[in-house]
Protein backbone atom coordinates (compact mmCIF):
# COMPACT_ATOMS: atom_id res chain seq x y z
CA MET A 1 -7.16 4.06 30.37
CA LYS A 2 -7.07 1.96 33.53
CA GLU A 3 -10.77 2.61 34.12
CA LEU A 4 -11.49 1.58 30.53
CA ILE A 5 -9.62 -1.70 31.03
CA LYS A 6 -11.60 -2.39 34.22
CA ARG A 7 -14.87 -1.85 32.32
CA LEU A 8 -13.74 -4.10 29.49
CA GLU A 9 -12.73 -6.87 31.90
CA GLN A 10 -16.31 -6.96 33.20
CA ASN A 11 -17.65 -7.95 29.77
CA PHE A 12 -14.76 -9.72 28.04
CA GLN A 13 -12.29 -12.44 28.95
CA ILE A 14 -8.93 -10.67 28.78
CA SER A 15 -6.00 -13.01 29.36
CA ASN A 16 -3.03 -10.69 29.13
CA ILE A 17 -2.59 -6.94 29.63
CA VAL A 18 0.67 -5.33 28.53
CA TRP A 19 1.22 -1.62 29.15
CA GLN A 20 3.68 -0.17 26.66
CA ARG A 21 3.17 3.39 27.94
CA GLU A 22 0.60 5.16 30.06
CA ASN A 23 -1.51 5.78 26.95
CA GLU A 24 -0.80 2.53 25.08
CA VAL A 25 -1.93 -0.92 26.14
CA PHE A 26 -2.24 -4.34 24.49
CA LEU A 27 -4.92 -6.84 25.47
CA THR A 28 -5.07 -10.50 24.49
CA VAL A 29 -8.57 -11.89 24.08
CA GLU A 30 -10.24 -15.06 22.85
CA LYS A 31 -11.15 -15.20 19.17
CA THR A 32 -14.88 -15.10 19.98
CA ASP A 33 -14.46 -11.87 22.02
CA ALA A 34 -12.31 -9.96 19.53
CA VAL A 35 -14.91 -8.49 17.16
CA PRO A 36 -17.45 -7.66 19.92
CA LEU A 37 -14.67 -5.97 21.93
CA ILE A 38 -13.41 -4.01 18.92
CA THR A 39 -17.00 -3.00 18.12
CA GLN A 40 -17.51 -1.73 21.68
CA LEU A 41 -14.25 0.23 21.52
CA ASN A 42 -15.31 1.77 18.21
CA HIS A 43 -18.96 2.54 19.03
CA TYR A 44 -18.84 3.40 22.74
CA GLU A 45 -15.25 4.25 23.69
CA SER A 46 -14.31 6.55 20.75
CA PHE A 47 -11.54 4.35 19.34
CA THR A 48 -12.53 5.48 15.88
CA HIS A 49 -9.25 5.03 14.00
CA LEU A 50 -7.90 1.64 12.91
CA VAL A 51 -4.17 2.33 12.85
CA ILE A 52 -3.09 -1.09 11.56
CA MET A 53 -3.94 -4.76 11.43
CA THR A 54 -0.99 -7.11 11.42
CA ALA A 55 0.05 -10.66 12.22
CA VAL A 56 2.96 -12.59 13.69
CA ASP A 57 3.65 -16.23 12.83
CA TRP A 58 4.45 -18.24 15.98
CA LEU A 59 5.43 -21.31 13.96
CA GLU A 60 6.66 -23.37 16.93
CA ALA A 61 3.42 -22.79 18.83
CA GLY A 62 1.25 -23.46 15.76
CA LYS A 63 -0.41 -20.03 16.12
CA PHE A 64 -0.78 -16.70 14.40
CA GLN A 65 -1.08 -13.63 16.57
CA LEU A 66 -3.44 -11.17 14.93
CA THR A 67 -3.13 -7.61 16.27
CA TYR A 68 -5.55 -4.73 15.78
CA LEU A 69 -4.20 -1.32 16.82
CA LEU A 70 -6.90 1.25 17.51
CA ASN A 71 -6.58 4.94 18.35
CA ASN A 72 -8.76 7.31 20.35
CA ASN A 73 -7.77 10.81 19.31
CA GLU A 74 -9.86 12.48 22.04
CA ILE A 75 -7.77 11.02 24.86
CA LYS A 76 -4.63 10.48 22.73
CA ALA A 77 -4.52 6.75 23.48
CA ASP A 78 -3.88 3.52 21.59
CA ILE A 79 -5.19 0.07 22.39
CA GLY A 80 -3.99 -3.09 20.74
CA ILE A 81 -6.22 -6.14 20.63
CA ARG A 82 -4.33 -9.41 20.18
CA VAL A 83 -5.93 -12.68 19.17
CA LEU A 84 -4.26 -16.07 18.81
CA LEU A 85 -5.46 -18.11 15.85
CA ASP A 86 -4.80 -21.75 15.09
CA ARG A 87 -2.22 -21.75 12.30
CA GLU A 88 -3.73 -24.76 10.52
CA LYS A 89 -7.22 -23.21 10.31
CA ALA A 90 -6.38 -19.52 10.39
CA GLU A 91 -9.72 -17.77 10.13
CA MET A 92 -11.13 -14.63 11.73
CA LYS A 93 -14.33 -12.64 11.46
CA SER A 94 -14.05 -9.50 9.37
CA ILE A 95 -14.20 -6.00 10.82
CA HIS A 96 -14.72 -4.26 7.48
CA HIS A 97 -18.18 -3.21 8.68
CA LEU A 98 -16.44 -0.96 11.24
CA TRP A 99 -13.69 0.45 9.01
CA VAL A 100 -13.68 0.20 5.22
CA THR A 101 -9.87 0.21 5.31
CA ALA A 102 -9.91 -3.05 7.29
CA ALA A 103 -10.77 -4.88 4.07
CA THR A 104 -7.40 -3.86 2.61
CA TYR A 105 -5.49 -5.10 5.67
CA GLN A 106 -7.50 -8.34 5.61
CA ARG A 107 -6.70 -8.92 1.92
CA GLU A 108 -3.01 -8.44 2.64
CA LEU A 109 -3.05 -10.78 5.65
CA HIS A 110 -4.95 -13.37 3.63
CA GLU A 111 -2.42 -13.27 0.81
CA MET A 112 0.78 -12.98 2.84
CA PHE A 113 -0.07 -15.27 5.80
CA GLY A 114 -3.03 -17.31 4.57
CA ILE A 115 -5.40 -15.99 7.26
CA ASP A 116 -8.97 -16.10 5.98
CA PHE A 117 -11.58 -13.41 6.66
CA PRO A 118 -14.85 -14.87 5.31
CA GLY A 119 -17.17 -12.23 3.91
CA SER A 120 -14.51 -9.54 3.64
CA PRO A 121 -14.75 -7.73 0.29
CA ARG A 122 -12.43 -9.11 -2.42
CA VAL A 123 -10.43 -11.13 0.14
CA ASP A 124 -9.87 -13.96 -2.35
CA GLU A 125 -8.71 -11.72 -5.22
CA PRO A 126 -4.97 -11.29 -5.85
CA PHE A 127 -3.70 -8.24 -4.01
CA ILE A 128 0.07 -8.04 -4.41
CA LEU A 129 1.18 -11.49 -5.55
CA GLU A 130 -0.64 -12.04 -8.83
CA GLY A 131 -0.31 -15.65 -9.91
CA TRP A 132 1.40 -16.77 -6.69
CA GLN A 133 1.42 -20.57 -6.33
CA GLU A 134 3.63 -21.07 -3.26
CA ILE A 135 2.70 -21.05 0.40
CA PRO A 136 2.09 -17.51 1.68
CA PRO A 137 5.49 -15.77 1.84
CA TYR A 138 5.19 -14.24 5.32
CA ARG A 139 4.77 -17.65 6.93
CA ARG A 140 7.95 -18.61 8.70
CA ASP A 141 8.06 -22.00 7.00
CA PHE A 142 8.34 -20.32 3.59
CA ASP A 143 11.94 -20.91 2.45
CA THR A 144 13.00 -17.65 0.81
CA LYS A 145 16.43 -18.95 -0.21
CA LYS A 146 15.01 -22.09 -1.80
CA TYR A 147 12.39 -20.04 -3.66
CA SER A 148 15.02 -17.59 -4.94
CA GLU A 149 17.34 -20.35 -6.11
CA LYS A 150 14.46 -22.08 -7.90
CA THR A 151 13.03 -18.91 -9.44
CA TYR A 152 16.02 -16.74 -10.31
CA PHE A 153 19.22 -17.63 -12.14
CA PRO A 154 22.62 -16.86 -10.60
CA ARG A 155 24.28 -13.80 -12.12
CA PRO A 156 27.95 -13.98 -13.11
CA GLY A 157 30.37 -11.96 -11.05
CA ARG A 158 28.39 -12.19 -7.85
CA SER A 159 30.06 -13.47 -4.75
CA THR A 160 28.85 -14.29 -1.28
CA ASN A 161 30.61 -12.86 1.76
CA ASP A 162 30.36 -13.56 5.44
CA PRO A 163 28.76 -10.30 6.67
CA GLN A 164 30.88 -10.13 9.82
CA GLU A 165 34.17 -10.62 7.97
CA TYR A 166 33.13 -8.30 5.14
CA MET A 167 32.29 -5.44 7.54
CA LYS A 168 35.52 -6.02 9.45
CA LYS A 169 37.49 -5.58 6.21
CA LYS A 170 35.49 -2.46 5.27
CA LEU A 171 35.73 -0.79 8.68
CA TYR A 172 39.27 -1.86 9.62
CA PRO A 173 41.16 -2.52 6.38
CA GLU A 174 44.60 -2.17 8.01
CA GLU A 175 43.86 -5.06 10.43
CA SER A 176 42.72 -7.47 7.75
CA GLU A 177 45.86 -7.30 5.61
């Protein structure tokens, strides 16, 4: 894997390398390098399996971190490609031409985070949240409590407990009397 990283560094601007294990590494690259790098890994380095595509909302930094996790079964190794996207104009090139399943991940990320993948099949069609009118629910500025209070009515007989005190009473009932 270390030789692979050295080869990649010759052609791509890699800003951060994080080794999770000997056979698992994460690289951070510029948005413009991401798809060419992923294509090279797929076509020339035998990373033929897209394990997952996911995102993290770094609200305070105004960024989304998009992560592609790829697997090479021949050498039993995983490589994660991380890309930081501007949160206000979250857009990334599609990789559905490399893996058909990428279109599904891209639809989910579009709907749940608001990240756009122009040209990805059916990316603008509802995926999970049919009729959703709010901001995407996986964004950290989505107020789940406010949405629940606005959308659902309170049910009689329900009470709210402080989790710490509740567990203390459940685990140590003799001390709480």
